[in-house]
Amino acid sequence: MSLSIEQLGVLLQVPQQIVILPHTKPDGDAIGSALGLYHCLHSHYQHHDIQIITPTDYPDFLHFLPADEKVIIYPRNENTAKNCIEKATLVFILDCNDTARLDDLQPFVDAIYCPIVLIDHHLDPQIVAAYQVWTTAVSSTAELVYRFCHQLFTQPIINADAALCLYTGIATDTGRFKYNTFPSTFEVVARLIECGLHLEQANNLIFDNNTEKRLRFLGFILSEKMIILPNKKVAYIAVSQEDMDLYQYESGDLEGVVNYPLSIAGIQVVGLFKEQSNDDVGLSFRSKGDFSVNLYVREHFIGGGHKNAAGGRSSMSLDDTIHHFLDTIANYPELQGSN
C-alpha cells in the first residue's frame, strides 16, 4: 500500500492510534525528531492518540526535551509498548533505515498491517513504507521532519517546543554544524528561531550541561584510553566495564567522545569500542574525507550508518574486537603511512 502526501493528510483528519519509533539507543537526532514530530502532530490535531516508543533508553542529557515524560521506554514498559504497536493504525519510523535497528521491537513492527511512514536520512533504507521522506543530502532526520510537517500542514504548526526538539536533532547530528551541513540546514534553523527557538538557551541545555563526574571521565578517556596508531592516521578508544564502573558511568557519558581524536591533525579514522552488559561491544566510528566508515562497519562488524559516521556492535570480546579492528584497518592502503 502506498500513500501520497494528500492521502496521508486525509488519513490524519480522522482519529488514529499513532506510534512514533526511533532507532535503538536513540541519539539527539532520533529522540529530537520523534518528540519534534509529536509536538507538531499534537499541536495540529487533538483527536489522535500519539505514543513515542523507544527500543532502549537514551542519554540522560537528552531528557530535558519537552514531553520527554511521555516517551515509553520498551525495557521499562514492555507490555504497554507491545500493546500500543499492536493497536496502531499509523506508525512513523524515524532516523532508522531497517527494522533490525529497532532491536526487541522488530518482531512487533514486522507483524503490523497498518501504514508506515518512514522519515530517514541513512543510506539504503530497507523498510517498506506507505509514505517515505528519505534523502542522504540533508543534515538530519530532524530537518526532514521539519520539511515533512510544512508539506503536510497548510498552516504553521512548529511551536517553541517542537522547534527545540528539532534543533536538538540538527545540532547534535551535525556536531554543532561541523559536518553534514547544507544551505537548507541553516535555513531550517533560521525558521526554528522564528518559531520561538531560544538559540543560546538550547545550546546550553544540549552542550553545556555536563556533570563534574562526566568531565573527569572524559579526561581519563583522553589521557589513558586514546590510542594513536603509528601511521598517525587512525585512532581508537576502548572503554571497559571496569573503566565505566570507576567513574560511575551513566547513559550519555560517552556521547560525542569519538569526535575528539578526529580533531587531531592528520587523523582520518577513529573507532570507539565500549563494553556492554549483554557481552556485546558497542561500536562508533568517525572519518574524514573519502573513507567510508559505513562500508567498513558493514564489511567487518554488524552495523552501518553514514559515510563519515557509523555505528554498530561486535559479538566478540573487547580485546578481540580491538584486534579485529587493527587487523582489518591495516588492509586499507589509504590509511597507511605517516603524514
C-alpha atoms as a PDB file:
ATOM      1  CA  MET A   1       0.000   0.000   0.000  1.00  0.00           C
ATOM      2  CA  SER A   2       1.307   3.452  -0.885  1.00  0.00           C
ATOM      3  CA  LEU A   3       0.041   6.881   0.067  1.00  0.00           C
ATOM      4  CA  SER A   4       0.515  10.318  -1.417  1.00  0.00           C
ATOM      5  CA  ILE A   5       1.056  13.287   0.889  1.00  0.00           C
ATOM      6  CA  GLU A   6      -2.542  14.321   0.141  1.00  0.00           C
ATOM      7  CA  GLN A   7      -3.885  10.887   1.071  1.00  0.00           C
ATOM      8  CA  LEU A   8      -1.838  10.915   4.257  1.00  0.00           C
ATOM      9  CA  GLY A   9      -3.358  14.289   5.104  1.00  0.00           C
ATOM     10  CA  VAL A  10      -6.843  12.868   4.608  1.00  0.00           C
ATOM     11  CA  LEU A  11      -5.972   9.886   6.806  1.00  0.00           C
ATOM     12  CA  LEU A  12      -4.926  12.235   9.586  1.00  0.00           C
ATOM     13  CA  GLN A  13      -8.281  14.004   9.515  1.00  0.00           C
ATOM     14  CA  VAL A  14      -9.819  11.070  11.400  1.00  0.00           C
ATOM     15  CA  PRO A  15      -8.685   9.754  14.804  1.00  0.00           C
ATOM     16  CA  GLN A  16      -5.665   7.460  14.638  1.00  0.00           C
ATOM     17  CA  GLN A  17      -3.673   5.361  17.067  1.00  0.00           C
ATOM     18  CA  ILE A  18      -0.237   6.754  16.155  1.00  0.00           C
ATOM     19  CA  VAL A  19       3.069   5.231  17.226  1.00  0.00           C
ATOM     20  CA  ILE A  20       6.399   7.020  16.657  1.00  0.00           C
ATOM     21  CA  LEU A  21       9.503   4.806  16.701  1.00  0.00           C
ATOM     22  CA  PRO A  22      13.150   5.961  16.622  1.00  0.00           C
ATOM     23  CA  HIS A  23      16.079   3.552  16.396  1.00  0.00           C
ATOM     24  CA  THR A  24      17.599   1.721  19.337  1.00  0.00           C
ATOM     25  CA  LYS A  25      19.820   3.707  21.705  1.00  0.00           C
ATOM     26  CA  PRO A  26      18.362   6.958  20.382  1.00  0.00           C
ATOM     27  CA  ASP A  27      20.769   9.843  19.899  1.00  0.00           C
ATOM     28  CA  GLY A  28      19.867  13.515  19.729  1.00  0.00           C
ATOM     29  CA  ASP A  29      18.527  13.275  16.187  1.00  0.00           C
ATOM     30  CA  ALA A  30      16.418  10.174  16.836  1.00  0.00           C
ATOM     31  CA  ILE A  31      14.715  11.390  20.027  1.00  0.00           C
ATOM     32  CA  GLY A  32      14.648  15.033  18.884  1.00  0.00           C
ATOM     33  CA  SER A  33      12.912  14.007  15.657  1.00  0.00           C
ATOM     34  CA  ALA A  34      10.420  11.803  17.497  1.00  0.00           C
ATOM     35  CA  LEU A  35       9.481  14.464  20.045  1.00  0.00           C
ATOM     36  CA  GLY A  36       9.508  17.193  17.394  1.00  0.00           C
ATOM     37  CA  LEU A  37       7.031  15.217  15.283  1.00  0.00           C
ATOM     38  CA  TYR A  38       4.945  14.518  18.394  1.00  0.00           C
ATOM     39  CA  HIS A  39       4.636  18.234  19.147  1.00  0.00           C
ATOM     40  CA  CYS A  40       3.801  19.078  15.525  1.00  0.00           C
ATOM     41  CA  LEU A  41       1.083  16.443  15.313  1.00  0.00           C
ATOM     42  CA  HIS A  42      -0.290  17.217  18.775  1.00  0.00           C
ATOM     43  CA  SER A  43      -0.483  20.973  18.166  1.00  0.00           C
ATOM     44  CA  HIS A  44      -2.317  20.493  14.858  1.00  0.00           C
ATOM     45  CA  TYR A  45      -4.635  17.666  15.873  1.00  0.00           C
ATOM     46  CA  GLN A  46      -6.265  16.892  19.193  1.00  0.00           C
ATOM     47  CA  HIS A  47      -8.093  13.743  18.136  1.00  0.00           C
ATOM     48  CA  HIS A  48      -5.127  11.368  17.825  1.00  0.00           C
ATOM     49  CA  ASP A  49      -3.652   9.074  20.458  1.00  0.00           C
ATOM     50  CA  ILE A  50       0.102   9.561  19.901  1.00  0.00           C
ATOM     51  CA  GLN A  51       2.708   7.354  21.565  1.00  0.00           C
ATOM     52  CA  ILE A  52       6.501   7.541  21.276  1.00  0.00           C
ATOM     53  CA  ILE A  53       8.206   4.208  21.966  1.00  0.00           C
ATOM     54  CA  THR A  54      11.980   3.790  22.136  1.00  0.00           C
ATOM     55  CA  PRO A  55      13.626   0.336  21.954  1.00  0.00           C
ATOM     56  CA  THR A  56      16.024   1.382  24.730  1.00  0.00           C
ATOM     57  CA  ASP A  57      16.718   4.329  26.989  1.00  0.00           C
ATOM     58  CA  TYR A  58      18.698   7.292  25.681  1.00  0.00           C
ATOM     59  CA  PRO A  59      21.393   9.603  27.110  1.00  0.00           C
ATOM     60  CA  ASP A  60      20.488  11.408  30.311  1.00  0.00           C
ATOM     61  CA  PHE A  61      21.372  14.816  28.873  1.00  0.00           C
ATOM     62  CA  LEU A  62      18.505  14.478  26.356  1.00  0.00           C
ATOM     63  CA  HIS A  63      15.810  14.033  28.969  1.00  0.00           C
ATOM     64  CA  PHE A  64      15.346  17.818  29.184  1.00  0.00           C
ATOM     65  CA  LEU A  65      13.357  17.799  25.941  1.00  0.00           C
ATOM     66  CA  PRO A  66       9.704  18.886  26.192  1.00  0.00           C
ATOM     67  CA  ALA A  67       7.268  15.943  26.621  1.00  0.00           C
ATOM     68  CA  ASP A  68      10.150  13.597  27.470  1.00  0.00           C
ATOM     69  CA  GLU A  69       7.962  12.156  30.230  1.00  0.00           C
ATOM     70  CA  LYS A  70       5.556  10.816  27.613  1.00  0.00           C
ATOM     71  CA  VAL A  71       8.151   8.558  25.984  1.00  0.00           C
ATOM     72  CA  ILE A  72       7.568   4.844  26.558  1.00  0.00           C
ATOM     73  CA  ILE A  73      10.932   3.124  27.021  1.00  0.00           C
ATOM     74  CA  TYR A  74      10.403  -0.502  25.995  1.00  0.00           C
ATOM     75  CA  PRO A  75      12.552  -2.329  28.600  1.00  0.00           C
ATOM     76  CA  ARG A  76      10.685  -0.494  31.378  1.00  0.00           C
ATOM     77  CA  ASN A  77       7.180  -0.884  29.907  1.00  0.00           C
ATOM     78  CA  GLU A  78       7.244  -3.954  27.667  1.00  0.00           C
ATOM     79  CA  ASN A  79       3.526  -4.803  27.759  1.00  0.00           C
ATOM     80  CA  THR A  80       2.419  -1.203  27.225  1.00  0.00           C
ATOM     81  CA  ALA A  81       4.788  -0.776  24.282  1.00  0.00           C
ATOM     82  CA  LYS A  82       3.743  -4.057  22.675  1.00  0.00           C
ATOM     83  CA  ASN A  83       0.027  -3.259  23.045  1.00  0.00           C
ATOM     84  CA  CYS A  84       0.474   0.216  21.549  1.00  0.00           C
ATOM     85  CA  ILE A  85       2.237  -1.193  18.482  1.00  0.00           C
ATOM     86  CA  GLU A  86      -0.348  -3.945  18.025  1.00  0.00           C
ATOM     87  CA  LYS A  87      -3.213  -1.424  18.193  1.00  0.00           C
ATOM     88  CA  ALA A  88      -1.507   1.194  15.996  1.00  0.00           C
ATOM     89  CA  THR A  89      -3.345   2.421  12.915  1.00  0.00           C
ATOM     90  CA  LEU A  90      -0.411   4.551  11.723  1.00  0.00           C
ATOM     91  CA  VAL A  91       3.294   4.133  12.507  1.00  0.00           C
ATOM     92  CA  PHE A  92       6.108   6.632  11.968  1.00  0.00           C
ATOM     93  CA  ILE A  93       9.640   5.194  11.902  1.00  0.00           C
ATOM     94  CA  LEU A  94      12.264   7.905  12.300  1.00  0.00           C
ATOM     95  CA  ASP A  95      16.038   8.007  11.812  1.00  0.00           C
ATOM     96  CA  CYS A  96      16.054   4.267  11.137  1.00  0.00           C
ATOM     97  CA  ASN A  97      16.653   2.526   7.814  1.00  0.00           C
ATOM     98  CA  ASP A  98      15.982  -1.065   8.891  1.00  0.00           C
ATOM     99  CA  THR A  99      13.588  -2.624  11.430  1.00  0.00           C
ATOM    100  CA  ALA A 100      16.586  -4.606  12.719  1.00  0.00           C
ATOM    101  CA  ARG A 101      17.667  -1.299  14.308  1.00  0.00           C
ATOM    102  CA  LEU A 102      14.533  -1.454  16.474  1.00  0.00           C
ATOM    103  CA  ASP A 103      16.059  -4.371  18.419  1.00  0.00           C
ATOM    104  CA  ASP A 104      13.419  -6.173  20.517  1.00  0.00           C
ATOM    105  CA  LEU A 105      10.616  -4.163  18.915  1.00  0.00           C
ATOM    106  CA  GLN A 106      11.404  -5.557  15.471  1.00  0.00           C
ATOM    107  CA  PRO A 107       9.088  -8.608  15.555  1.00  0.00           C
ATOM    108  CA  PHE A 108       6.132  -6.484  16.670  1.00  0.00           C
ATOM    109  CA  VAL A 109       6.748  -3.903  13.956  1.00  0.00           C
ATOM    110  CA  ASP A 110       7.328  -6.511  11.251  1.00  0.00           C
ATOM    111  CA  ALA A 111       3.940  -8.037  12.113  1.00  0.00           C
ATOM    112  CA  ILE A 112       1.834  -4.878  11.771  1.00  0.00           C
ATOM    113  CA  TYR A 113      -0.528  -4.256   8.860  1.00  0.00           C
ATOM    114  CA  CYS A 114      -1.131  -0.529   9.264  1.00  0.00           C
ATOM    115  CA  PRO A 115       0.562   2.117   7.074  1.00  0.00           C
ATOM    116  CA  ILE A 116       4.154   3.018   7.909  1.00  0.00           C
ATOM    117  CA  VAL A 117       5.649   6.458   7.293  1.00  0.00           C
ATOM    118  CA  LEU A 118       9.452   6.421   7.066  1.00  0.00           C
ATOM    119  CA  ILE A 119      11.421   9.627   7.681  1.00  0.00           C
ATOM    120  CA  ASP A 120      15.158   8.998   7.494  1.00  0.00           C
ATOM    121  CA  HIS A 121      18.490  10.158   6.049  1.00  0.00           C
ATOM    122  CA  HIS A 122      20.584   6.979   6.336  1.00  0.00           C
ATOM    123  CA  LEU A 123      21.887   5.023   3.364  1.00  0.00           C
ATOM    124  CA  ASP A 124      19.998   2.099   1.816  1.00  0.00           C
ATOM    125  CA  PRO A 125      16.579   2.133   3.547  1.00  0.00           C
ATOM    126  CA  GLN A 126      15.225  -1.403   3.916  1.00  0.00           C
ATOM    127  CA  ILE A 127      11.813  -0.522   5.355  1.00  0.00           C
ATOM    128  CA  VAL A 128       8.766  -0.855   3.110  1.00  0.00           C
ATOM    129  CA  ALA A 129       6.715   2.258   3.813  1.00  0.00           C
ATOM    130  CA  ALA A 130       3.397   3.572   2.572  1.00  0.00           C
ATOM    131  CA  TYR A 131       4.939   7.036   2.507  1.00  0.00           C
ATOM    132  CA  GLN A 132       8.626   7.847   2.619  1.00  0.00           C
ATOM    133  CA  VAL A 133      10.621  11.006   3.243  1.00  0.00           C
ATOM    134  CA  TRP A 134      14.175   9.964   2.508  1.00  0.00           C
ATOM    135  CA  THR A 135      17.384  11.544   1.277  1.00  0.00           C
ATOM    136  CA  THR A 136      21.008  11.467   2.368  1.00  0.00           C
ATOM    137  CA  ALA A 137      21.558  15.040   1.180  1.00  0.00           C
ATOM    138  CA  VAL A 138      20.333  16.523   4.429  1.00  0.00           C
ATOM    139  CA  SER A 139      21.783  17.258   7.853  1.00  0.00           C
ATOM    140  CA  SER A 140      19.495  15.100   9.926  1.00  0.00           C
ATOM    141  CA  THR A 141      16.161  13.370  10.249  1.00  0.00           C
ATOM    142  CA  ALA A 142      15.031  16.342  12.325  1.00  0.00           C
ATOM    143  CA  GLU A 143      15.426  18.566   9.276  1.00  0.00           C
ATOM    144  CA  LEU A 144      13.330  16.102   7.268  1.00  0.00           C
ATOM    145  CA  VAL A 145      10.629  16.149   9.954  1.00  0.00           C
ATOM    146  CA  TYR A 146      10.511  19.933   9.636  1.00  0.00           C
ATOM    147  CA  ARG A 147      10.118  19.669   5.852  1.00  0.00           C
ATOM    148  CA  PHE A 148       7.506  16.914   6.186  1.00  0.00           C
ATOM    149  CA  CYS A 149       5.355  18.913   8.592  1.00  0.00           C
ATOM    150  CA  HIS A 150       5.431  22.014   6.424  1.00  0.00           C
ATOM    151  CA  GLN A 151       4.452  19.920   3.436  1.00  0.00           C
ATOM    152  CA  LEU A 152       1.680  18.132   5.315  1.00  0.00           C
ATOM    153  CA  PHE A 153       0.013  21.041   7.076  1.00  0.00           C
ATOM    154  CA  THR A 154      -1.452  24.127   5.461  1.00  0.00           C
ATOM    155  CA  GLN A 155      -0.849  26.354   8.482  1.00  0.00           C
ATOM    156  CA  PRO A 156       2.149  26.901  10.797  1.00  0.00           C
ATOM    157  CA  ILE A 157       2.458  24.122  13.366  1.00  0.00           C
ATOM    158  CA  ILE A 158       6.050  24.463  14.590  1.00  0.00           C
ATOM    159  CA  ASN A 159       5.736  25.768  18.147  1.00  0.00           C
ATOM    160  CA  ALA A 160       8.620  26.541  20.506  1.00  0.00           C
ATOM    161  CA  ASP A 161       8.639  23.019  21.976  1.00  0.00           C
ATOM    162  CA  ALA A 162       8.795  21.406  18.535  1.00  0.00           C
ATOM    163  CA  ALA A 163      11.494  23.888  17.494  1.00  0.00           C
ATOM    164  CA  LEU A 164      13.693  22.979  20.485  1.00  0.00           C
ATOM    165  CA  CYS A 165      13.344  19.251  19.794  1.00  0.00           C
ATOM    166  CA  LEU A 166      14.096  19.585  16.073  1.00  0.00           C
ATOM    167  CA  TYR A 167      17.039  21.919  16.699  1.00  0.00           C
ATOM    168  CA  THR A 168      18.464  19.356  19.128  1.00  0.00           C
ATOM    169  CA  GLY A 169      18.376  16.766  16.357  1.00  0.00           C
ATOM    170  CA  ILE A 170      20.051  19.060  13.848  1.00  0.00           C
ATOM    171  CA  ALA A 171      22.721  20.432  16.200  1.00  0.00           C
ATOM    172  CA  THR A 172      23.769  17.032  17.556  1.00  0.00           C
ATOM    173  CA  ASP A 173      23.777  15.173  14.235  1.00  0.00           C
ATOM    174  CA  THR A 174      25.952  17.842  12.631  1.00  0.00           C
ATOM    175  CA  GLY A 175      28.369  18.003  15.583  1.00  0.00           C
ATOM    176  CA  ARG A 176      27.498  21.663  16.158  1.00  0.00           C
ATOM    177  CA  PHE A 177      27.374  22.266  12.378  1.00  0.00           C
ATOM    178  CA  LYS A 178      30.836  20.840  11.656  1.00  0.00           C
ATOM    179  CA  TYR A 179      29.673  18.174   9.183  1.00  0.00           C
ATOM    180  CA  ASN A 180      26.637  17.082   7.161  1.00  0.00           C
ATOM    181  CA  THR A 181      25.576  20.695   6.771  1.00  0.00           C
ATOM    182  CA  PHE A 182      23.848  22.133   3.723  1.00  0.00           C
ATOM    183  CA  PRO A 183      22.342  25.550   2.924  1.00  0.00           C
ATOM    184  CA  SER A 184      18.970  24.079   3.885  1.00  0.00           C
ATOM    185  CA  THR A 185      20.337  23.234   7.342  1.00  0.00           C
ATOM    186  CA  PHE A 186      20.851  26.879   8.242  1.00  0.00           C
ATOM    187  CA  GLU A 187      17.605  27.891   6.554  1.00  0.00           C
ATOM    188  CA  VAL A 188      15.668  25.463   8.743  1.00  0.00           C
ATOM    189  CA  VAL A 189      17.442  26.644  11.906  1.00  0.00           C
ATOM    190  CA  ALA A 190      16.544  30.234  10.974  1.00  0.00           C
ATOM    191  CA  ARG A 191      12.899  29.182  10.623  1.00  0.00           C
ATOM    192  CA  LEU A 192      13.048  27.421  14.000  1.00  0.00           C
ATOM    193  CA  ILE A 193      14.314  30.629  15.624  1.00  0.00           C
ATOM    194  CA  GLU A 194      11.347  32.445  14.079  1.00  0.00           C
ATOM    195  CA  CYS A 195       9.123  29.770  15.623  1.00  0.00           C
ATOM    196  CA  GLY A 196      10.351  30.525  19.140  1.00  0.00           C
ATOM    197  CA  LEU A 197      13.634  28.669  19.486  1.00  0.00           C
ATOM    198  CA  HIS A 198      15.947  30.395  22.003  1.00  0.00           C
ATOM    199  CA  LEU A 199      19.303  29.500  20.488  1.00  0.00           C
ATOM    200  CA  GLU A 200      21.615  30.291  23.413  1.00  0.00           C
ATOM    201  CA  GLN A 201      19.359  28.536  25.892  1.00  0.00           C
ATOM    202  CA  ALA A 202      19.073  25.491  23.619  1.00  0.00           C
ATOM    203  CA  ASN A 203      22.845  25.220  23.175  1.00  0.00           C
ATOM    204  CA  ASN A 204      23.359  25.468  26.930  1.00  0.00           C
ATOM    205  CA  LEU A 205      20.868  22.650  27.523  1.00  0.00           C
ATOM    206  CA  ILE A 206      22.365  20.421  24.837  1.00  0.00           C
ATOM    207  CA  PHE A 207      26.108  21.054  25.106  1.00  0.00           C
ATOM    208  CA  ASP A 208      26.866  22.843  28.394  1.00  0.00           C
ATOM    209  CA  ASN A 209      25.049  20.704  30.908  1.00  0.00           C
ATOM    210  CA  ASN A 210      27.844  18.341  31.973  1.00  0.00           C
ATOM    211  CA  THR A 211      28.382  16.919  35.414  1.00  0.00           C
ATOM    212  CA  GLU A 212      31.793  17.161  37.070  1.00  0.00           C
ATOM    213  CA  LYS A 213      31.936  13.364  37.001  1.00  0.00           C
ATOM    214  CA  ARG A 214      31.457  13.227  33.239  1.00  0.00           C
ATOM    215  CA  LEU A 215      34.243  15.750  32.613  1.00  0.00           C
ATOM    216  CA  ARG A 216      36.644  13.812  34.820  1.00  0.00           C
ATOM    217  CA  PHE A 217      35.653  10.638  32.948  1.00  0.00           C
ATOM    218  CA  LEU A 218      36.346  12.436  29.667  1.00  0.00           C
ATOM    219  CA  GLY A 219      39.773  13.499  30.930  1.00  0.00           C
ATOM    220  CA  PHE A 220      40.548   9.897  31.906  1.00  0.00           C
ATOM    221  CA  ILE A 221      39.410   8.622  28.492  1.00  0.00           C
ATOM    222  CA  LEU A 222      41.544  11.077  26.538  1.00  0.00           C
ATOM    223  CA  SER A 223      44.656  10.717  28.676  1.00  0.00           C
ATOM    224  CA  GLU A 224      44.592   6.961  29.316  1.00  0.00           C
ATOM    225  CA  LYS A 225      42.425   5.300  26.678  1.00  0.00           C
ATOM    226  CA  MET A 226      43.049   7.183  23.422  1.00  0.00           C
ATOM    227  CA  ILE A 227      45.466   5.275  21.182  1.00  0.00           C
ATOM    228  CA  ILE A 228      47.053   6.833  18.096  1.00  0.00           C
ATOM    229  CA  LEU A 229      48.356   4.191  15.691  1.00  0.00           C
ATOM    230  CA  PRO A 230      51.931   4.577  14.380  1.00  0.00           C
ATOM    231  CA  ASN A 231      50.646   5.637  10.958  1.00  0.00           C
ATOM    232  CA  LYS A 232      49.159   8.710  12.672  1.00  0.00           C
ATOM    233  CA  LYS A 233      46.015   8.432  10.527  1.00  0.00           C
ATOM    234  CA  VAL A 234      43.955   6.122  12.735  1.00  0.00           C
ATOM    235  CA  ALA A 235      42.999   6.347  16.398  1.00  0.00           C
ATOM    236  CA  TYR A 236      40.772   4.358  18.716  1.00  0.00           C
ATOM    237  CA  ILE A 237      39.377   4.413  22.231  1.00  0.00           C
ATOM    238  CA  ALA A 238      38.438   1.233  24.109  1.00  0.00           C
ATOM    239  CA  VAL A 239      36.334   1.567  27.253  1.00  0.00           C
ATOM    240  CA  SER A 240      35.865  -1.425  29.545  1.00  0.00           C
ATOM    241  CA  GLN A 241      33.130  -2.046  32.057  1.00  0.00           C
ATOM    242  CA  GLU A 242      35.756  -1.558  34.776  1.00  0.00           C
ATOM    243  CA  ASP A 243      36.509   1.931  33.402  1.00  0.00           C
ATOM    244  CA  MET A 244      32.829   2.834  33.459  1.00  0.00           C
ATOM    245  CA  ASP A 245      32.337   1.485  36.969  1.00  0.00           C
ATOM    246  CA  LEU A 246      35.304   3.538  38.177  1.00  0.00           C
ATOM    247  CA  TYR A 247      33.599   6.753  37.059  1.00  0.00           C
ATOM    248  CA  GLN A 248      30.021   5.667  37.806  1.00  0.00           C
ATOM    249  CA  TYR A 249      29.091   5.756  34.126  1.00  0.00           C
ATOM    250  CA  GLU A 250      25.636   6.993  33.191  1.00  0.00           C
ATOM    251  CA  SER A 251      23.884   6.820  29.839  1.00  0.00           C
ATOM    252  CA  GLY A 252      25.263   9.505  27.540  1.00  0.00           C
ATOM    253  CA  ASP A 253      28.622   9.988  29.278  1.00  0.00           C
ATOM    254  CA  LEU A 254      30.416   8.823  26.117  1.00  0.00           C
ATOM    255  CA  GLU A 255      28.266  10.866  23.750  1.00  0.00           C
ATOM    256  CA  GLY A 256      30.498  12.693  21.266  1.00  0.00           C
ATOM    257  CA  VAL A 257      33.758  11.282  22.690  1.00  0.00           C
ATOM    258  CA  VAL A 258      34.572   9.580  19.371  1.00  0.00           C
ATOM    259  CA  ASN A 259      34.889  13.016  17.754  1.00  0.00           C
ATOM    260  CA  TYR A 260      37.756  14.202  19.964  1.00  0.00           C
ATOM    261  CA  PRO A 261      40.586  12.181  18.339  1.00  0.00           C
ATOM    262  CA  LEU A 262      39.247  13.191  14.926  1.00  0.00           C
ATOM    263  CA  SER A 263      40.155  16.782  15.800  1.00  0.00           C
ATOM    264  CA  ILE A 264      43.864  15.845  15.824  1.00  0.00           C
ATOM    265  CA  ALA A 265      45.617  17.000  12.648  1.00  0.00           C
ATOM    266  CA  GLY A 266      46.150  14.094  10.263  1.00  0.00           C
ATOM    267  CA  ILE A 267      43.730  11.645  11.903  1.00  0.00           C
ATOM    268  CA  GLN A 268      41.306  10.282   9.308  1.00  0.00           C
ATOM    269  CA  VAL A 269      39.508   7.436  11.104  1.00  0.00           C
ATOM    270  CA  VAL A 270      38.509   6.955  14.748  1.00  0.00           C
ATOM    271  CA  GLY A 271      36.895   3.954  16.422  1.00  0.00           C
ATOM    272  CA  LEU A 272      35.236   3.886  19.844  1.00  0.00           C
ATOM    273  CA  PHE A 273      34.705   0.469  21.460  1.00  0.00           C
ATOM    274  CA  LYS A 274      32.558   0.140  24.569  1.00  0.00           C
ATOM    275  CA  GLU A 275      31.845  -2.985  26.596  1.00  0.00           C
ATOM    276  CA  GLN A 276      28.136  -3.564  27.106  1.00  0.00           C
ATOM    277  CA  SER A 277      26.186  -5.505  29.700  1.00  0.00           C
ATOM    278  CA  ASN A 278      24.918  -8.043  27.135  1.00  0.00           C
ATOM    279  CA  ASP A 279      28.519  -9.104  26.380  1.00  0.00           C
ATOM    280  CA  ASP A 280      28.476  -7.284  23.049  1.00  0.00           C
ATOM    281  CA  VAL A 281      30.808  -4.395  22.299  1.00  0.00           C
ATOM    282  CA  GLY A 282      29.238  -1.165  21.115  1.00  0.00           C
ATOM    283  CA  LEU A 283      30.943   0.475  18.145  1.00  0.00           C
ATOM    284  CA  SER A 284      31.108   4.062  16.959  1.00  0.00           C
ATOM    285  CA  PHE A 285      33.226   5.223  14.031  1.00  0.00           C
ATOM    286  CA  ARG A 286      34.006   8.617  12.524  1.00  0.00           C
ATOM    287  CA  SER A 287      36.075   9.561   9.489  1.00  0.00           C
ATOM    288  CA  LYS A 288      37.193  12.498   7.405  1.00  0.00           C
ATOM    289  CA  GLY A 289      37.251  12.750   3.639  1.00  0.00           C
ATOM    290  CA  ASP A 290      36.565   9.842   1.319  1.00  0.00           C
ATOM    291  CA  PHE A 291      36.960   6.920   3.710  1.00  0.00           C
ATOM    292  CA  SER A 292      33.514   5.383   4.322  1.00  0.00           C
ATOM    293  CA  VAL A 293      33.125   4.016   7.830  1.00  0.00           C
ATOM    294  CA  ASN A 294      29.633   2.905   6.797  1.00  0.00           C
ATOM    295  CA  LEU A 295      31.133   0.452   4.304  1.00  0.00           C
ATOM    296  CA  TYR A 296      33.868  -0.525   6.755  1.00  0.00           C
ATOM    297  CA  VAL A 297      31.393  -1.400   9.531  1.00  0.00           C
ATOM    298  CA  ARG A 298      29.111  -3.287   7.148  1.00  0.00           C
ATOM    299  CA  GLU A 299      32.017  -5.393   5.934  1.00  0.00           C
ATOM    300  CA  HIS A 300      33.779  -6.122   9.207  1.00  0.00           C
ATOM    301  CA  PHE A 301      31.215  -5.743  12.014  1.00  0.00           C
ATOM    302  CA  ILE A 302      27.428  -5.552  12.492  1.00  0.00           C
ATOM    303  CA  GLY A 303      26.026  -2.122  11.739  1.00  0.00           C
ATOM    304  CA  GLY A 304      26.261   0.827   9.386  1.00  0.00           C
ATOM    305  CA  GLY A 305      25.226   4.431   9.089  1.00  0.00           C
ATOM    306  CA  HIS A 306      26.607   7.335   7.085  1.00  0.00           C
ATOM    307  CA  LYS A 307      29.762   7.671   5.023  1.00  0.00           C
ATOM    308  CA  ASN A 308      31.652   9.545   7.765  1.00  0.00           C
ATOM    309  CA  ALA A 309      29.699   8.423  10.838  1.00  0.00           C
ATOM    310  CA  ALA A 310      28.605   4.867  11.568  1.00  0.00           C
ATOM    311  CA  GLY A 311      27.960   2.555  14.465  1.00  0.00           C
ATOM    312  CA  GLY A 312      27.100  -0.978  15.360  1.00  0.00           C
ATOM    313  CA  ARG A 313      28.184  -3.837  17.549  1.00  0.00           C
ATOM    314  CA  SER A 314      30.606  -6.711  17.838  1.00  0.00           C
ATOM    315  CA  SER A 315      29.777 -10.081  19.355  1.00  0.00           C
ATOM    316  CA  MET A 316      33.458 -10.603  20.190  1.00  0.00           C
ATOM    317  CA  SER A 317      35.127  -9.650  23.458  1.00  0.00           C
ATOM    318  CA  LEU A 318      36.558  -6.159  23.825  1.00  0.00           C
ATOM    319  CA  ASP A 319      40.121  -7.380  23.271  1.00  0.00           C
ATOM    320  CA  ASP A 320      39.152  -9.486  20.253  1.00  0.00           C
ATOM    321  CA  THR A 321      37.175  -6.571  18.810  1.00  0.00           C
ATOM    322  CA  ILE A 322      40.240  -4.331  19.057  1.00  0.00           C
ATOM    323  CA  HIS A 323      42.444  -6.989  17.433  1.00  0.00           C
ATOM    324  CA  HIS A 324      39.916  -7.428  14.620  1.00  0.00           C
ATOM    325  CA  PHE A 325      39.826  -3.668  14.108  1.00  0.00           C
ATOM    326  CA  LEU A 326      43.618  -3.434  13.966  1.00  0.00           C
ATOM    327  CA  ASP A 327      43.871  -6.378  11.568  1.00  0.00           C
ATOM    328  CA  THR A 328      41.192  -5.117   9.183  1.00  0.00           C
ATOM    329  CA  ILE A 329      42.048  -1.408   9.192  1.00  0.00           C
ATOM    330  CA  ALA A 330      45.592  -2.336   8.170  1.00  0.00           C
ATOM    331  CA  ASN A 331      44.206  -3.591   4.839  1.00  0.00           C
ATOM    332  CA  TYR A 332      43.340  -0.079   3.648  1.00  0.00           C
ATOM    333  CA  PRO A 333      46.379   1.429   1.877  1.00  0.00           C
ATOM    334  CA  GLU A 334      44.970   4.960   2.038  1.00  0.00           C
ATOM    335  CA  LEU A 335      45.189   4.821   5.837  1.00  0.00           C
ATOM    336  CA  GLN A 336      48.745   3.569   5.973  1.00  0.00           C
ATOM    337  CA  GLY A 337      51.976   5.539   6.131  1.00  0.00           C
ATOM    338  CA  SER A 338      52.903   8.622   8.109  1.00  0.00           C
ATOM    339  CA  ASN A 339      51.744  12.142   7.297  1.00  0.00           C
END
